[in-house]
C-alpha atoms as a PDB file:
ATOM      1  CA  GLN A   1      83.910 114.327 100.405  1.00  0.00           C
ATOM      2  CA  VAL A   2      81.090 111.980 100.881  1.00  0.00           C
ATOM      3  CA  GLN A   3      79.202 111.910 104.014  1.00  0.00           C
ATOM      4  CA  LEU A   4      79.061 107.933 104.863  1.00  0.00           C
ATOM      5  CA  ALA A   5      76.747 105.966 106.961  1.00  0.00           C
ATOM      6  CA  GLU A   6      77.164 101.892 107.734  1.00  0.00           C
ATOM      7  CA  SER A   7      73.209  99.960 108.757  1.00  0.00           C
ATOM      8  CA  GLY A   8      72.770  96.468 109.290  1.00  0.00           C
ATOM      9  CA  GLY A   9      75.143  95.441 112.420  1.00  0.00           C
ATOM     10  CA  GLY A  10      73.375  93.687 115.191  1.00  0.00           C
ATOM     11  CA  LEU A  11      73.786  90.135 117.128  1.00  0.00           C
ATOM     12  CA  VAL A  12      73.851  87.133 114.738  1.00  0.00           C
ATOM     13  CA  GLN A  13      74.815  83.788 116.047  1.00  0.00           C
ATOM     14  CA  PRO A  14      77.010  81.270 114.484  1.00  0.00           C
ATOM     15  CA  GLY A  15      75.899  80.637 110.837  1.00  0.00           C
ATOM     16  CA  GLY A  16      73.610  83.434 110.223  1.00  0.00           C
ATOM     17  CA  SER A  17      73.617  86.822 108.114  1.00  0.00           C
ATOM     18  CA  LEU A  18      73.809  89.853 107.959  1.00  0.00           C
ATOM     19  CA  ARG A  19      74.050  92.394 105.021  1.00  0.00           C
ATOM     20  CA  LEU A  20      75.813  95.948 105.604  1.00  0.00           C
ATOM     21  CA  SER A  21      74.472  99.014 104.189  1.00  0.00           C
ATOM     22  CA  CYS A  22      76.989 102.010 103.763  1.00  0.00           C
ATOM     23  CA  ALA A  23      75.063 105.114 102.331  1.00  0.00           C
ATOM     24  CA  ALA A  24      77.179 107.622 100.717  1.00  0.00           C
ATOM     25  CA  SER A  25      76.303 111.250 100.386  1.00  0.00           C
ATOM     26  CA  GLY A  26      77.280 111.737  96.755  1.00  0.00           C
ATOM     27  CA  SER A  27      78.109 109.405  94.261  1.00  0.00           C
ATOM     28  CA  ILE A  28      80.636 106.926  94.716  1.00  0.00           C
ATOM     29  CA  SER A  29      80.597 105.913  90.418  1.00  0.00           C
ATOM     30  CA  SER A  30      83.517 107.786  90.627  1.00  0.00           C
ATOM     31  CA  MET A  31      85.701 106.841  93.043  1.00  0.00           C
ATOM     32  CA  ASN A  32      88.998 105.521  93.050  1.00  0.00           C
ATOM     33  CA  ALA A  33      88.616 103.119  95.806  1.00  0.00           C
ATOM     34  CA  MET A  34      86.173 102.306  98.652  1.00  0.00           C
ATOM     35  CA  GLY A  35      85.663  98.481 100.618  1.00  0.00           C
ATOM     36  CA  TRP A  36      84.873  97.309 103.880  1.00  0.00           C
ATOM     37  CA  TYR A  37      87.116  97.337 107.218  1.00  0.00           C
ATOM     38  CA  ARG A  38      87.044  95.683 110.437  1.00  0.00           C
ATOM     39  CA  GLN A  39      88.289  96.130 113.891  1.00  0.00           C
ATOM     40  CA  ALA A  40      87.939  94.504 116.824  1.00  0.00           C
ATOM     41  CA  PRO A  41      88.916  94.806 120.620  1.00  0.00           C
ATOM     42  CA  GLY A  42      92.713  94.878 120.980  1.00  0.00           C
ATOM     43  CA  LYS A  43      93.271  94.567 116.857  1.00  0.00           C
ATOM     44  CA  GLU A  44      94.155  97.346 114.681  1.00  0.00           C
ATOM     45  CA  ARG A  45      92.031  97.864 111.603  1.00  0.00           C
ATOM     46  CA  GLU A  46      92.104  95.575 109.007  1.00  0.00           C
ATOM     47  CA  SER A  47      90.848  95.120 105.274  1.00  0.00           C
ATOM     48  CA  VAL A  48      87.242  93.130 105.204  1.00  0.00           C
ATOM     49  CA  ALA A  49      86.008  94.086 100.900  1.00  0.00           C
ATOM     50  CA  VAL A  50      88.262  96.749  98.614  1.00  0.00           C
ATOM     51  CA  ILE A  51      87.782  97.538  95.070  1.00  0.00           C
ATOM     52  CA  ILE A  52      89.300 100.052  93.563  1.00  0.00           C
ATOM     53  CA  ALA A  53      88.202 101.368  90.378  1.00  0.00           C
ATOM     54  CA  GLY A  54      88.356  98.738  87.249  1.00  0.00           C
ATOM     55  CA  SER A  55      89.268  95.934  89.056  1.00  0.00           C
ATOM     56  CA  SER A  56      88.110  92.685  91.169  1.00  0.00           C
ATOM     57  CA  PRO A  57      86.941  92.988  95.015  1.00  0.00           C
ATOM     58  CA  ILE A  58      90.027  91.902  97.535  1.00  0.00           C
ATOM     59  CA  TYR A  59      89.254  90.225  99.993  1.00  0.00           C
ATOM     60  CA  ALA A  60      90.544  89.126 103.247  1.00  0.00           C
ATOM     61  CA  ASN A  61      92.027  85.031 103.370  1.00  0.00           C
ATOM     62  CA  SER A  62      89.310  84.823 106.393  1.00  0.00           C
ATOM     63  CA  VAL A  63      86.244  86.101 104.505  1.00  0.00           C
ATOM     64  CA  LEU A  64      86.871  84.896 101.128  1.00  0.00           C
ATOM     65  CA  GLY A  65      83.735  82.556 100.201  1.00  0.00           C
ATOM     66  CA  ARG A  66      80.743  84.254 103.040  1.00  0.00           C
ATOM     67  CA  PHE A  67      81.902  87.800 101.819  1.00  0.00           C
ATOM     68  CA  THR A  68      80.788  89.144  99.638  1.00  0.00           C
ATOM     69  CA  ILE A  69      81.226  93.170  98.820  1.00  0.00           C
ATOM     70  CA  SER A  70      78.756  94.733  96.118  1.00  0.00           C
ATOM     71  CA  LEU A  71      77.513  97.843  94.995  1.00  0.00           C
ATOM     72  CA  ASP A  72      74.195  99.488  93.254  1.00  0.00           C
ATOM     73  CA  ASN A  73      75.256 102.687  91.792  1.00  0.00           C
ATOM     74  CA  ALA A  74      72.010 104.320  91.142  1.00  0.00           C
ATOM     75  CA  LYS A  75      71.257 104.856  94.985  1.00  0.00           C
ATOM     76  CA  ASN A  76      75.083 105.260  96.000  1.00  0.00           C
ATOM     77  CA  THR A  77      75.239 102.572  98.396  1.00  0.00           C
ATOM     78  CA  MET A  78      77.677  99.451  98.883  1.00  0.00           C
ATOM     79  CA  TYR A  79      77.044  96.503 100.689  1.00  0.00           C
ATOM     80  CA  LEU A  80      78.453  93.943 102.258  1.00  0.00           C
ATOM     81  CA  GLN A  81      76.617  90.450 102.749  1.00  0.00           C
ATOM     82  CA  MET A  82      78.090  87.923 105.195  1.00  0.00           C
ATOM     83  CA  ASN A  83      77.341  84.207 105.416  1.00  0.00           C
ATOM     84  CA  SER A  84      78.265  81.886 107.809  1.00  0.00           C
ATOM     85  CA  LEU A  85      79.072  84.422 110.086  1.00  0.00           C
ATOM     86  CA  LYS A  86      81.528  82.798 113.045  1.00  0.00           C
ATOM     87  CA  PRO A  87      82.036  84.446 116.401  1.00  0.00           C
ATOM     88  CA  GLU A  88      85.696  85.252 114.772  1.00  0.00           C
ATOM     89  CA  ASP A  89      83.551  87.922 112.478  1.00  0.00           C
ATOM     90  CA  THR A  90      82.812  89.361 115.618  1.00  0.00           C
ATOM     91  CA  ALA A  91      83.708  93.835 115.283  1.00  0.00           C
ATOM     92  CA  VAL A  92      82.995  97.340 114.337  1.00  0.00           C
ATOM     93  CA  TYR A  93      83.133  97.042 110.959  1.00  0.00           C
ATOM     94  CA  TYR A  94      83.790 100.152 108.801  1.00  0.00           C
ATOM     95  CA  CYS A  95      83.379 101.573 105.263  1.00  0.00           C
ATOM     96  CA  ARG A  96      85.231 103.392 103.305  1.00  0.00           C
ATOM     97  CA  VAL A  97      85.036 105.331  99.810  1.00  0.00           C
ATOM     98  CA  ASP A  98      88.141 107.203  98.604  1.00  0.00           C
ATOM     99  CA  ASP A  99      89.291 109.218 102.165  1.00  0.00           C
ATOM    100  CA  SER A 100      85.754 109.438 103.673  1.00  0.00           C
ATOM    101  CA  TRP A 101      85.582 106.164 106.918  1.00  0.00           C
ATOM    102  CA  GLY A 102      81.360 106.014 107.776  1.00  0.00           C
ATOM    103  CA  GLN A 103      81.217 105.403 112.123  1.00  0.00           C
ATOM    104  CA  GLY A 104      80.789 101.943 112.757  1.00  0.00           C
ATOM    105  CA  THR A 105      78.723  99.748 113.169  1.00  0.00           C
ATOM    106  CA  GLN A 106      78.362  96.986 115.390  1.00  0.00           C
ATOM    107  CA  VAL A 107      78.993  93.261 114.670  1.00  0.00           C
ATOM    108  CA  THR A 108      78.737  90.302 117.390  1.00  0.00           C
ATOM    109  CA  VAL A 109      78.463  86.599 116.083  1.00  0.00           C
ATOM    110  CA  SER A 110      77.505  84.511 119.815  1.00  0.00           C
ATOM    111  CA  SER A 111      75.725  82.454 120.970  1.00  0.00           C
END
């Protein structure tokens, strides 16, 4: 398993943008599945954006058109660009690569 470390969370006003990063301790180029998930208080963890090897990204309907997942295999890093943020995007965001999870990073959207 690889070790994962998220960064880039914080407090942002509605309509703002953030970019989350997920740095892996090893190569991610041969992984089968990777993605971003989030968990809001009192709610179950849900997928936000997922990439299955060889396929196009799959986005939750709630973030489609606003969030973009990307990979930099040279840096063993996965990103989540989040634009037009809404208060309902507030959650702890986790990255996942196969069976490995990061520790999570808090994103709060509030005025």
